[in-house]
């Protein structure tokens, strides 16, 4: 069984036991979060989407921790104009472990 959820402006295909990094959530480490923006649920050949999923289906996940991703360098320049700019960025994330889909535990 798997589901497609939407969080932080991105979509993820998840199954029970998966560990994934999503955009930073305001939840404490060790707590449980309910992801209620479920787009699709599939179990074998049975696939439910749209309004079939929208009424009450949730995905439960436990928060494993928070962190920051690897640094990326943004470098801009214009040739022959003596224009150079360097900027770094590290994105915050929350690490989740999926514990249940639609009420079905691991």
PDB file of N, CA and C in Angstrom:
ATOM      1  N   UNK A   1       0.843  -1.173   0.000  1.00  0.00           N
ATOM      2  CA  UNK A   1       0.000   0.000   0.000  1.00  0.00           C
ATOM      3  C   UNK A   1       0.891   1.240   0.000  1.00  0.00           C
ATOM      4  N   UNK A   2       0.520   2.221  -0.826  1.00  0.00           N
ATOM      5  CA  UNK A   2       1.255   3.476  -0.844  1.00  0.00           C
ATOM      6  C   UNK A   2       0.285   4.620  -1.070  1.00  0.00           C
ATOM      7  N   UNK A   3       0.795   5.829  -0.817  1.00  0.00           N
ATOM      8  CA  UNK A   3      -0.021   7.034  -0.980  1.00  0.00           C
ATOM      9  C   UNK A   3       0.844   8.127  -1.585  1.00  0.00           C
ATOM     10  N   UNK A   4       0.186   9.085  -2.206  1.00  0.00           N
ATOM     11  CA  UNK A   4       0.849  10.286  -2.698  1.00  0.00           C
ATOM     12  C   UNK A   4       0.329  11.441  -1.858  1.00  0.00           C
ATOM     13  N   UNK A   5       1.263  12.112  -1.155  1.00  0.00           N
ATOM     14  CA  UNK A   5       0.885  13.218  -0.283  1.00  0.00           C
ATOM     15  C   UNK A   5       1.515  14.507  -0.794  1.00  0.00           C
ATOM     16  N   UNK A   6       0.966  15.617  -0.330  1.00  0.00           N
ATOM     17  CA  UNK A   6       1.494  16.920  -0.699  1.00  0.00           C
ATOM     18  C   UNK A   6       1.807  17.692   0.572  1.00  0.00           C
ATOM     19  N   UNK A   7       3.055  18.128   0.699  1.00  0.00           N
ATOM     20  CA  UNK A   7       3.467  18.952   1.830  1.00  0.00           C
ATOM     21  C   UNK A   7       4.623  19.839   1.401  1.00  0.00           C
ATOM     22  N   UNK A   8       4.583  21.070   1.828  1.00  0.00           N
ATOM     23  CA  UNK A   8       5.647  22.003   1.492  1.00  0.00           C
ATOM     24  C   UNK A   8       5.734  22.334   0.018  1.00  0.00           C
ATOM     25  N   UNK A   9       4.618  22.223  -0.705  1.00  0.00           N
ATOM     26  CA  UNK A   9       4.616  22.543  -2.126  1.00  0.00           C
ATOM     27  C   UNK A   9       5.160  21.443  -3.009  1.00  0.00           C
ATOM     28  N   UNK A  10       5.467  20.281  -2.434  1.00  0.00           N
ATOM     29  CA  UNK A  10       5.997  19.158  -3.202  1.00  0.00           C
ATOM     30  C   UNK A  10       5.133  17.925  -2.961  1.00  0.00           C
ATOM     31  N   UNK A  11       5.191  16.977  -3.886  1.00  0.00           N
ATOM     32  CA  UNK A  11       4.444  15.737  -3.755  1.00  0.00           C
ATOM     33  C   UNK A  11       5.410  14.588  -3.522  1.00  0.00           C
ATOM     34  N   UNK A  12       5.017  13.661  -2.635  1.00  0.00           N
ATOM     35  CA  UNK A  12       5.852  12.533  -2.272  1.00  0.00           C
ATOM     36  C   UNK A  12       5.044  11.247  -2.362  1.00  0.00           C
ATOM     37  N   UNK A  13       5.663  10.181  -2.868  1.00  0.00           N
ATOM     38  CA  UNK A  13       5.066   8.841  -2.863  1.00  0.00           C
ATOM     39  C   UNK A  13       5.613   8.130  -1.636  1.00  0.00           C
ATOM     40  N   UNK A  14       4.729   7.761  -0.717  1.00  0.00           N
ATOM     41  CA  UNK A  14       5.161   7.199   0.557  1.00  0.00           C
ATOM     42  C   UNK A  14       4.484   5.863   0.816  1.00  0.00           C
ATOM     43  N   UNK A  15       5.175   5.024   1.566  1.00  0.00           N
ATOM     44  CA  UNK A  15       4.630   3.764   2.062  1.00  0.00           C
ATOM     45  C   UNK A  15       4.975   3.685   3.543  1.00  0.00           C
ATOM     46  N   UNK A  16       4.343   2.778   4.255  1.00  0.00           N
ATOM     47  CA  UNK A  16       4.600   2.634   5.684  1.00  0.00           C
ATOM     48  C   UNK A  16       6.053   2.199   5.878  1.00  0.00           C
ATOM     49  N   UNK A  17       6.759   2.910   6.765  1.00  0.00           N
ATOM     50  CA  UNK A  17       8.153   2.614   7.039  1.00  0.00           C
ATOM     51  C   UNK A  17       9.141   3.493   6.286  1.00  0.00           C
ATOM     52  N   UNK A  18       8.671   4.269   5.324  1.00  0.00           N
ATOM     53  CA  UNK A  18       9.565   5.156   4.575  1.00  0.00           C
ATOM     54  C   UNK A  18      10.042   6.309   5.456  1.00  0.00           C
ATOM     55  N   UNK A  19      11.295   6.719   5.233  1.00  0.00           N
ATOM     56  CA  UNK A  19      11.854   7.889   5.898  1.00  0.00           C
ATOM     57  C   UNK A  19      12.128   8.917   4.817  1.00  0.00           C
ATOM     58  N   UNK A  20      11.595  10.137   4.992  1.00  0.00           N
ATOM     59  CA  UNK A  20      11.777  11.155   3.976  1.00  0.00           C
ATOM     60  C   UNK A  20      12.021  12.510   4.612  1.00  0.00           C
ATOM     61  N   UNK A  21      12.657  13.388   3.836  1.00  0.00           N
ATOM     62  CA  UNK A  21      12.923  14.747   4.262  1.00  0.00           C
ATOM     63  C   UNK A  21      11.958  15.687   3.540  1.00  0.00           C
ATOM     64  N   UNK A  22      11.215  16.455   4.327  1.00  0.00           N
ATOM     65  CA  UNK A  22      10.257  17.403   3.766  1.00  0.00           C
ATOM     66  C   UNK A  22      10.648  18.805   4.213  1.00  0.00           C
ATOM     67  N   UNK A  23       9.972  19.799   3.646  1.00  0.00           N
ATOM     68  CA  UNK A  23      10.203  21.180   4.076  1.00  0.00           C
ATOM     69  C   UNK A  23       9.933  21.285   5.573  1.00  0.00           C
ATOM     70  N   UNK A  24      10.583  22.215   6.220  1.00  0.00           N
ATOM     71  CA  UNK A  24      10.552  22.356   7.664  1.00  0.00           C
ATOM     72  C   UNK A  24       9.122  22.476   8.201  1.00  0.00           C
ATOM     73  N   UNK A  25       8.787  21.636   9.186  1.00  0.00           N
ATOM     74  CA  UNK A  25       7.488  21.655   9.850  1.00  0.00           C
ATOM     75  C   UNK A  25       7.657  22.130  11.288  1.00  0.00           C
ATOM     76  N   UNK A  26       6.622  22.740  11.851  1.00  0.00           N
ATOM     77  CA  UNK A  26       6.679  23.186  13.240  1.00  0.00           C
ATOM     78  C   UNK A  26       6.146  22.082  14.138  1.00  0.00           C
ATOM     79  N   UNK A  27       6.947  21.056  14.346  1.00  0.00           N
ATOM     80  CA  UNK A  27       6.598  19.945  15.221  1.00  0.00           C
ATOM     81  C   UNK A  27       7.858  19.529  15.965  1.00  0.00           C
ATOM     82  N   UNK A  28       7.694  19.085  17.192  1.00  0.00           N
ATOM     83  CA  UNK A  28       8.854  18.706  17.991  1.00  0.00           C
ATOM     84  C   UNK A  28       9.321  17.302  17.648  1.00  0.00           C
ATOM     85  N   UNK A  29      10.605  17.048  17.877  1.00  0.00           N
ATOM     86  CA  UNK A  29      11.180  15.732  17.626  1.00  0.00           C
ATOM     87  C   UNK A  29      10.499  14.695  18.514  1.00  0.00           C
ATOM     88  N   UNK A  30      10.098  13.581  17.922  1.00  0.00           N
ATOM     89  CA  UNK A  30       9.418  12.524  18.647  1.00  0.00           C
ATOM     90  C   UNK A  30       7.906  12.612  18.596  1.00  0.00           C
ATOM     91  N   UNK A  31       7.369  13.722  18.145  1.00  0.00           N
ATOM     92  CA  UNK A  31       5.914  13.869  18.085  1.00  0.00           C
ATOM     93  C   UNK A  31       5.368  13.233  16.808  1.00  0.00           C
ATOM     94  N   UNK A  32       4.063  13.129  16.744  1.00  0.00           N
ATOM     95  CA  UNK A  32       3.381  12.561  15.585  1.00  0.00           C
ATOM     96  C   UNK A  32       2.649  13.670  14.848  1.00  0.00           C
ATOM     97  N   UNK A  33       2.774  13.663  13.510  1.00  0.00           N
ATOM     98  CA  UNK A  33       2.066  14.650  12.698  1.00  0.00           C
ATOM     99  C   UNK A  33       1.111  13.916  11.764  1.00  0.00           C
ATOM    100  N   UNK A  34      -0.001  14.568  11.478  1.00  0.00           N
ATOM    101  CA  UNK A  34      -0.992  14.032  10.547  1.00  0.00           C
ATOM    102  C   UNK A  34      -0.908  14.836   9.255  1.00  0.00           C
ATOM    103  N   UNK A  35      -0.608  14.181   8.152  1.00  0.00           N
ATOM    104  CA  UNK A  35      -0.556  14.824   6.842  1.00  0.00           C
ATOM    105  C   UNK A  35      -1.884  14.528   6.154  1.00  0.00           C
ATOM    106  N   UNK A  36      -2.741  15.548   6.073  1.00  0.00           N
ATOM    107  CA  UNK A  36      -4.101  15.313   5.580  1.00  0.00           C
ATOM    108  C   UNK A  36      -4.304  15.713   4.126  1.00  0.00           C
ATOM    109  N   UNK A  37      -3.280  16.190   3.459  1.00  0.00           N
ATOM    110  CA  UNK A  37      -3.397  16.530   2.038  1.00  0.00           C
ATOM    111  C   UNK A  37      -2.961  15.319   1.206  1.00  0.00           C
ATOM    112  N   UNK A  38      -3.821  14.289   1.175  1.00  0.00           N
ATOM    113  CA  UNK A  38      -3.538  13.043   0.473  1.00  0.00           C
ATOM    114  C   UNK A  38      -4.170  13.119  -0.913  1.00  0.00           C
ATOM    115  N   UNK A  39      -3.362  12.906  -1.954  1.00  0.00           N
ATOM    116  CA  UNK A  39      -3.842  13.022  -3.326  1.00  0.00           C
ATOM    117  C   UNK A  39      -4.273  11.677  -3.911  1.00  0.00           C
ATOM    118  N   UNK A  40      -3.645  10.579  -3.467  1.00  0.00           N
ATOM    119  CA  UNK A  40      -3.952   9.269  -4.029  1.00  0.00           C
ATOM    120  C   UNK A  40      -3.575   8.189  -3.025  1.00  0.00           C
ATOM    121  N   UNK A  41      -4.368   7.127  -2.981  1.00  0.00           N
ATOM    122  CA  UNK A  41      -4.060   5.959  -2.166  1.00  0.00           C
ATOM    123  C   UNK A  41      -4.222   4.732  -3.049  1.00  0.00           C
ATOM    124  N   UNK A  42      -3.215   3.849  -3.033  1.00  0.00           N
ATOM    125  CA  UNK A  42      -3.268   2.639  -3.861  1.00  0.00           C
ATOM    126  C   UNK A  42      -2.929   1.428  -3.007  1.00  0.00           C
ATOM    127  N   UNK A  43      -3.742   0.388  -3.182  1.00  0.00           N
ATOM    128  CA  UNK A  43      -3.494  -0.883  -2.515  1.00  0.00           C
ATOM    129  C   UNK A  43      -3.734  -1.978  -3.545  1.00  0.00           C
ATOM    130  N   UNK A  44      -2.648  -2.496  -4.116  1.00  0.00           N
ATOM    131  CA  UNK A  44      -2.773  -3.471  -5.197  1.00  0.00           C
ATOM    132  C   UNK A  44      -3.362  -2.820  -6.427  1.00  0.00           C
ATOM    133  N   UNK A  45      -4.449  -3.380  -6.939  1.00  0.00           N
ATOM    134  CA  UNK A  45      -5.100  -2.831  -8.129  1.00  0.00           C
ATOM    135  C   UNK A  45      -6.143  -1.771  -7.773  1.00  0.00           C
ATOM    136  N   UNK A  46      -6.427  -1.597  -6.485  1.00  0.00           N
ATOM    137  CA  UNK A  46      -7.417  -0.621  -6.033  1.00  0.00           C
ATOM    138  C   UNK A  46      -6.752   0.742  -5.870  1.00  0.00           C
ATOM    139  N   UNK A  47      -7.086   1.691  -6.736  1.00  0.00           N
ATOM    140  CA  UNK A  47      -6.516   3.034  -6.690  1.00  0.00           C
ATOM    141  C   UNK A  47      -7.645   4.028  -6.449  1.00  0.00           C
ATOM    142  N   UNK A  48      -7.461   4.860  -5.407  1.00  0.00           N
ATOM    143  CA  UNK A  48      -8.461   5.869  -5.092  1.00  0.00           C
ATOM    144  C   UNK A  48      -7.834   7.261  -5.222  1.00  0.00           C
ATOM    145  N   UNK A  49      -8.521   8.158  -5.930  1.00  0.00           N
ATOM    146  CA  UNK A  49      -8.039   9.530  -6.091  1.00  0.00           C
ATOM    147  C   UNK A  49      -9.209  10.488  -5.910  1.00  0.00           C
ATOM    148  N   UNK A  50      -8.905  11.763  -5.902  1.00  0.00           N
ATOM    149  CA  UNK A  50      -9.942  12.794  -5.874  1.00  0.00           C
ATOM    150  C   UNK A  50     -10.792  12.783  -4.635  1.00  0.00           C
ATOM    151  N   UNK A  51     -12.097  12.874  -4.789  1.00  0.00           N
ATOM    152  CA  UNK A  51     -13.011  12.990  -3.655  1.00  0.00           C
ATOM    153  C   UNK A  51     -13.102  11.696  -2.855  1.00  0.00           C
ATOM    154  N   UNK A  52     -12.741  10.552  -3.454  1.00  0.00           N
ATOM    155  CA  UNK A  52     -12.719   9.297  -2.694  1.00  0.00           C
ATOM    156  C   UNK A  52     -11.690   9.352  -1.576  1.00  0.00           C
ATOM    157  N   UNK A  53     -10.585  10.021  -1.814  1.00  0.00           N
ATOM    158  CA  UNK A  53      -9.509  10.113  -0.839  1.00  0.00           C
ATOM    159  C   UNK A  53      -9.701  11.308   0.076  1.00  0.00           C
ATOM    160  N   UNK A  54     -10.299  12.373  -0.434  1.00  0.00           N
ATOM    161  CA  UNK A  54     -10.369  13.643   0.296  1.00  0.00           C
ATOM    162  C   UNK A  54     -11.144  13.532   1.608  1.00  0.00           C
ATOM    163  N   UNK A  55     -12.140  12.666   1.683  1.00  0.00           N
ATOM    164  CA  UNK A  55     -12.944  12.606   2.897  1.00  0.00           C
ATOM    165  C   UNK A  55     -12.308  11.714   3.954  1.00  0.00           C
ATOM    166  N   UNK A  56     -11.454  12.309   4.785  1.00  0.00           N
ATOM    167  CA  UNK A  56     -10.985  11.655   5.991  1.00  0.00           C
ATOM    168  C   UNK A  56      -9.720  10.837   5.905  1.00  0.00           C
ATOM    169  N   UNK A  57      -9.120  10.656   4.770  1.00  0.00           N
ATOM    170  CA  UNK A  57      -7.904   9.866   4.687  1.00  0.00           C
ATOM    171  C   UNK A  57      -6.713  10.716   5.118  1.00  0.00           C
ATOM    172  N   UNK A  58      -5.921  10.186   6.057  1.00  0.00           N
ATOM    173  CA  UNK A  58      -4.736  10.892   6.526  1.00  0.00           C
ATOM    174  C   UNK A  58      -3.545   9.950   6.518  1.00  0.00           C
ATOM    175  N   UNK A  59      -2.360  10.538   6.532  1.00  0.00           N
ATOM    176  CA  UNK A  59      -1.118   9.785   6.646  1.00  0.00           C
ATOM    177  C   UNK A  59      -0.458  10.226   7.939  1.00  0.00           C
ATOM    178  N   UNK A  60      -0.135   9.267   8.812  1.00  0.00           N
ATOM    179  CA  UNK A  60       0.511   9.576  10.084  1.00  0.00           C
ATOM    180  C   UNK A  60       2.014   9.378   9.946  1.00  0.00           C
ATOM    181  N   UNK A  61       2.762  10.284  10.549  1.00  0.00           N
ATOM    182  CA  UNK A  61       4.216  10.208  10.500  1.00  0.00           C
ATOM    183  C   UNK A  61       4.782  10.667  11.830  1.00  0.00           C
ATOM    184  N   UNK A  62       5.908  10.092  12.224  1.00  0.00           N
ATOM    185  CA  UNK A  62       6.591  10.532  13.431  1.00  0.00           C
ATOM    186  C   UNK A  62       7.803  11.360  13.019  1.00  0.00           C
ATOM    187  N   UNK A  63       8.064  12.406  13.776  1.00  0.00           N
ATOM    188  CA  UNK A  63       9.159  13.319  13.477  1.00  0.00           C
ATOM    189  C   UNK A  63      10.439  12.743  14.061  1.00  0.00           C
ATOM    190  N   UNK A  64      11.414  12.462  13.192  1.00  0.00           N
ATOM    191  CA  UNK A  64      12.698  11.928  13.639  1.00  0.00           C
ATOM    192  C   UNK A  64      13.666  13.036  14.008  1.00  0.00           C
ATOM    193  N   UNK A  65      13.556  14.188  13.350  1.00  0.00           N
ATOM    194  CA  UNK A  65      14.455  15.282  13.677  1.00  0.00           C
ATOM    195  C   UNK A  65      14.357  16.408  12.668  1.00  0.00           C
ATOM    196  N   UNK A  66      15.098  17.460  12.966  1.00  0.00           N
ATOM    197  CA  UNK A  66      15.176  18.623  12.088  1.00  0.00           C
ATOM    198  C   UNK A  66      16.634  18.831  11.715  1.00  0.00           C
ATOM    199  N   UNK A  67      16.870  19.476  10.593  1.00  0.00           N
ATOM    200  CA  UNK A  67      18.240  19.726  10.191  1.00  0.00           C
ATOM    201  C   UNK A  67      18.315  20.719   9.057  1.00  0.00           C
ATOM    202  N   UNK A  68      19.524  20.851   8.521  1.00  0.00           N
ATOM    203  CA  UNK A  68      19.753  21.733   7.393  1.00  0.00           C
ATOM    204  C   UNK A  68      20.495  20.951   6.326  1.00  0.00           C
ATOM    205  N   UNK A  69      20.135  21.178   5.074  1.00  0.00           N
ATOM    206  CA  UNK A  69      20.734  20.467   3.958  1.00  0.00           C
ATOM    207  C   UNK A  69      22.148  20.947   3.669  1.00  0.00           C
ATOM    208  N   UNK A  70      22.758  20.365   2.652  1.00  0.00           N
ATOM    209  CA  UNK A  70      24.099  20.756   2.231  1.00  0.00           C
ATOM    210  C   UNK A  70      24.070  22.175   1.670  1.00  0.00           C
ATOM    211  N   UNK A  71      25.200  22.853   1.796  1.00  0.00           N
ATOM    212  CA  UNK A  71      25.294  24.212   1.280  1.00  0.00           C
ATOM    213  C   UNK A  71      25.452  24.188  -0.234  1.00  0.00           C
ATOM    214  N   UNK A  72      24.703  25.039  -0.885  1.00  0.00           N
ATOM    215  CA  UNK A  72      24.887  25.229  -2.319  1.00  0.00           C
ATOM    216  C   UNK A  72      25.448  26.626  -2.533  1.00  0.00           C
ATOM    217  N   UNK A  73      26.219  26.799  -3.577  1.00  0.00           N
ATOM    218  CA  UNK A  73      26.814  28.091  -3.906  1.00  0.00           C
ATOM    219  C   UNK A  73      26.099  28.669  -5.113  1.00  0.00           C
ATOM    220  N   UNK A  74      25.695  29.923  -5.001  1.00  0.00           N
ATOM    221  CA  UNK A  74      25.091  30.648  -6.108  1.00  0.00           C
ATOM    222  C   UNK A  74      26.125  31.677  -6.542  1.00  0.00           C
ATOM    223  N   UNK A  75      26.554  31.592  -7.792  1.00  0.00           N
ATOM    224  CA  UNK A  75      27.617  32.470  -8.283  1.00  0.00           C
ATOM    225  C   UNK A  75      27.138  33.180  -9.533  1.00  0.00           C
ATOM    226  N   UNK A  76      27.168  34.523  -9.499  1.00  0.00           N
ATOM    227  CA  UNK A  76      26.741  35.321 -10.646  1.00  0.00           C
ATOM    228  C   UNK A  76      27.920  36.168 -11.104  1.00  0.00           C
ATOM    229  N   UNK A  77      28.072  36.299 -12.399  1.00  0.00           N
ATOM    230  CA  UNK A  77      29.109  37.187 -12.910  1.00  0.00           C
ATOM    231  C   UNK A  77      28.744  37.659 -14.304  1.00  0.00           C
ATOM    232  N   UNK A  78      29.328  38.778 -14.673  1.00  0.00           N
ATOM    233  CA  UNK A  78      29.206  39.313 -16.024  1.00  0.00           C
ATOM    234  C   UNK A  78      30.616  39.416 -16.590  1.00  0.00           C
ATOM    235  N   UNK A  79      30.817  38.803 -17.711  1.00  0.00           N
ATOM    236  CA  UNK A  79      32.163  38.808 -18.263  1.00  0.00           C
ATOM    237  C   UNK A  79      32.592  40.215 -18.679  1.00  0.00           C
ATOM    238  N   UNK A  80      33.838  40.484 -18.427  1.00  0.00           N
ATOM    239  CA  UNK A  80      34.497  41.751 -18.789  1.00  0.00           C
ATOM    240  C   UNK A  80      33.920  42.977 -18.079  1.00  0.00           C
ATOM    241  N   UNK A  81      33.077  42.814 -17.085  1.00  0.00           N
ATOM    242  CA  UNK A  81      32.458  43.959 -16.406  1.00  0.00           C
ATOM    243  C   UNK A  81      32.899  44.087 -14.943  1.00  0.00           C
ATOM    244  N   UNK A  82      33.769  43.199 -14.491  1.00  0.00           N
ATOM    245  CA  UNK A  82      34.247  43.184 -13.103  1.00  0.00           C
ATOM    246  C   UNK A  82      33.074  43.061 -12.109  1.00  0.00           C
ATOM    247  N   UNK A  83      32.110  42.216 -12.435  1.00  0.00           N
ATOM    248  CA  UNK A  83      30.925  41.998 -11.602  1.00  0.00           C
ATOM    249  C   UNK A  83      30.903  40.538 -11.183  1.00  0.00           C
ATOM    250  N   UNK A  84      31.059  40.276  -9.872  1.00  0.00           N
ATOM    251  CA  UNK A  84      31.022  38.917  -9.336  1.00  0.00           C
ATOM    252  C   UNK A  84      30.280  38.924  -7.997  1.00  0.00           C
ATOM    253  N   UNK A  85      29.354  37.999  -7.821  1.00  0.00           N
ATOM    254  CA  UNK A  85      28.625  37.877  -6.563  1.00  0.00           C
ATOM    255  C   UNK A  85      28.553  36.391  -6.186  1.00  0.00           C
ATOM    256  N   UNK A  86      28.836  36.097  -4.936  1.00  0.00           N
ATOM    257  CA  UNK A  86      28.741  34.731  -4.429  1.00  0.00           C
ATOM    258  C   UNK A  86      27.788  34.731  -3.244  1.00  0.00           C
ATOM    259  N   UNK A  87      26.901  33.734  -3.226  1.00  0.00           N
ATOM    260  CA  UNK A  87      25.952  33.608  -2.134  1.00  0.00           C
ATOM    261  C   UNK A  87      25.781  32.137  -1.829  1.00  0.00           C
ATOM    262  N   UNK A  88      25.642  31.797  -0.550  1.00  0.00           N
ATOM    263  CA  UNK A  88      25.418  30.414  -0.141  1.00  0.00           C
ATOM    264  C   UNK A  88      24.006  30.243   0.389  1.00  0.00           C
ATOM    265  N   UNK A  89      23.526  28.980   0.402  1.00  0.00           N
ATOM    266  CA  UNK A  89      22.178  28.696   0.888  1.00  0.00           C
ATOM    267  C   UNK A  89      22.140  27.291   1.472  1.00  0.00           C
ATOM    268  N   UNK A  90      21.490  27.151   2.622  1.00  0.00           N
ATOM    269  CA  UNK A  90      21.219  25.845   3.225  1.00  0.00           C
ATOM    270  C   UNK A  90      19.742  25.782   3.558  1.00  0.00           C
ATOM    271  N   UNK A  91      19.051  24.774   3.034  1.00  0.00           N
ATOM    272  CA  UNK A  91      17.604  24.654   3.221  1.00  0.00           C
ATOM    273  C   UNK A  91      17.298  23.857   4.488  1.00  0.00           C
ATOM    274  N   UNK A  92      16.358  24.338   5.289  1.00  0.00           N
ATOM    275  CA  UNK A  92      15.910  23.610   6.475  1.00  0.00           C
ATOM    276  C   UNK A  92      15.012  22.449   6.066  1.00  0.00           C
ATOM    277  N   UNK A  93      15.053  21.347   6.831  1.00  0.00           N
ATOM    278  CA  UNK A  93      14.183  20.205   6.545  1.00  0.00           C
ATOM    279  C   UNK A  93      13.740  19.548   7.838  1.00  0.00           C
ATOM    280  N   UNK A  94      12.695  18.742   7.738  1.00  0.00           N
ATOM    281  CA  UNK A  94      12.214  17.893   8.821  1.00  0.00           C
ATOM    282  C   UNK A  94      12.229  16.464   8.309  1.00  0.00           C
ATOM    283  N   UNK A  95      12.781  15.549   9.091  1.00  0.00           N
ATOM    284  CA  UNK A  95      12.857  14.150   8.693  1.00  0.00           C
ATOM    285  C   UNK A  95      11.689  13.390   9.326  1.00  0.00           C
ATOM    286  N   UNK A  96      10.894  12.726   8.487  1.00  0.00           N
ATOM    287  CA  UNK A  96       9.694  12.018   8.922  1.00  0.00           C
ATOM    288  C   UNK A  96       9.811  10.530   8.644  1.00  0.00           C
ATOM    289  N   UNK A  97       9.184   9.723   9.488  1.00  0.00           N
ATOM    290  CA  UNK A  97       9.014   8.294   9.216  1.00  0.00           C
ATOM    291  C   UNK A  97       7.515   8.024   9.158  1.00  0.00           C
ATOM    292  N   UNK A  98       7.072   7.443   8.052  1.00  0.00           N
ATOM    293  CA  UNK A  98       5.647   7.176   7.849  1.00  0.00           C
ATOM    294  C   UNK A  98       5.247   5.981   8.696  1.00  0.00           C
ATOM    295  N   UNK A  99       4.225   6.159   9.556  1.00  0.00           N
ATOM    296  CA  UNK A  99       3.798   5.089  10.453  1.00  0.00           C
ATOM    297  C   UNK A  99       2.467   4.454  10.043  1.00  0.00           C
ATOM    298  N   UNK A 100       1.577   5.225   9.393  1.00  0.00           N
ATOM    299  CA  UNK A 100       0.269   4.677   9.009  1.00  0.00           C
ATOM    300  C   UNK A 100      -0.292   5.453   7.832  1.00  0.00           C
ATOM    301  N   UNK A 101      -1.025   4.739   6.982  1.00  0.00           N
ATOM    302  CA  UNK A 101      -1.708   5.363   5.861  1.00  0.00           C
ATOM    303  C   UNK A 101      -3.188   5.058   5.993  1.00  0.00           C
ATOM    304  N   UNK A 102      -3.988   6.095   6.139  1.00  0.00           N
ATOM    305  CA  UNK A 102      -5.434   5.932   6.237  1.00  0.00           C
ATOM    306  C   UNK A 102      -5.881   5.073   7.385  1.00  0.00           C
ATOM    307  N   UNK A 103      -5.102   5.080   8.466  1.00  0.00           N
ATOM    308  CA  UNK A 103      -5.480   4.303   9.642  1.00  0.00           C
ATOM    309  C   UNK A 103      -4.925   2.896   9.686  1.00  0.00           C
ATOM    310  N   UNK A 104      -4.158   2.469   8.661  1.00  0.00           N
ATOM    311  CA  UNK A 104      -3.568   1.136   8.673  1.00  0.00           C
ATOM    312  C   UNK A 104      -2.151   1.211   9.212  1.00  0.00           C
ATOM    313  N   UNK A 105      -1.892   0.567  10.365  1.00  0.00           N
ATOM    314  CA  UNK A 105      -0.583   0.631  11.020  1.00  0.00           C
ATOM    315  C   UNK A 105       0.405  -0.319  10.370  1.00  0.00           C
ATOM    316  N   UNK A 106       1.662  -0.122  10.741  1.00  0.00           N
ATOM    317  CA  UNK A 106       2.734  -0.975  10.211  1.00  0.00           C
ATOM    318  C   UNK A 106       2.681  -2.354  10.838  1.00  0.00           C
TER     319      UNK A 106
END
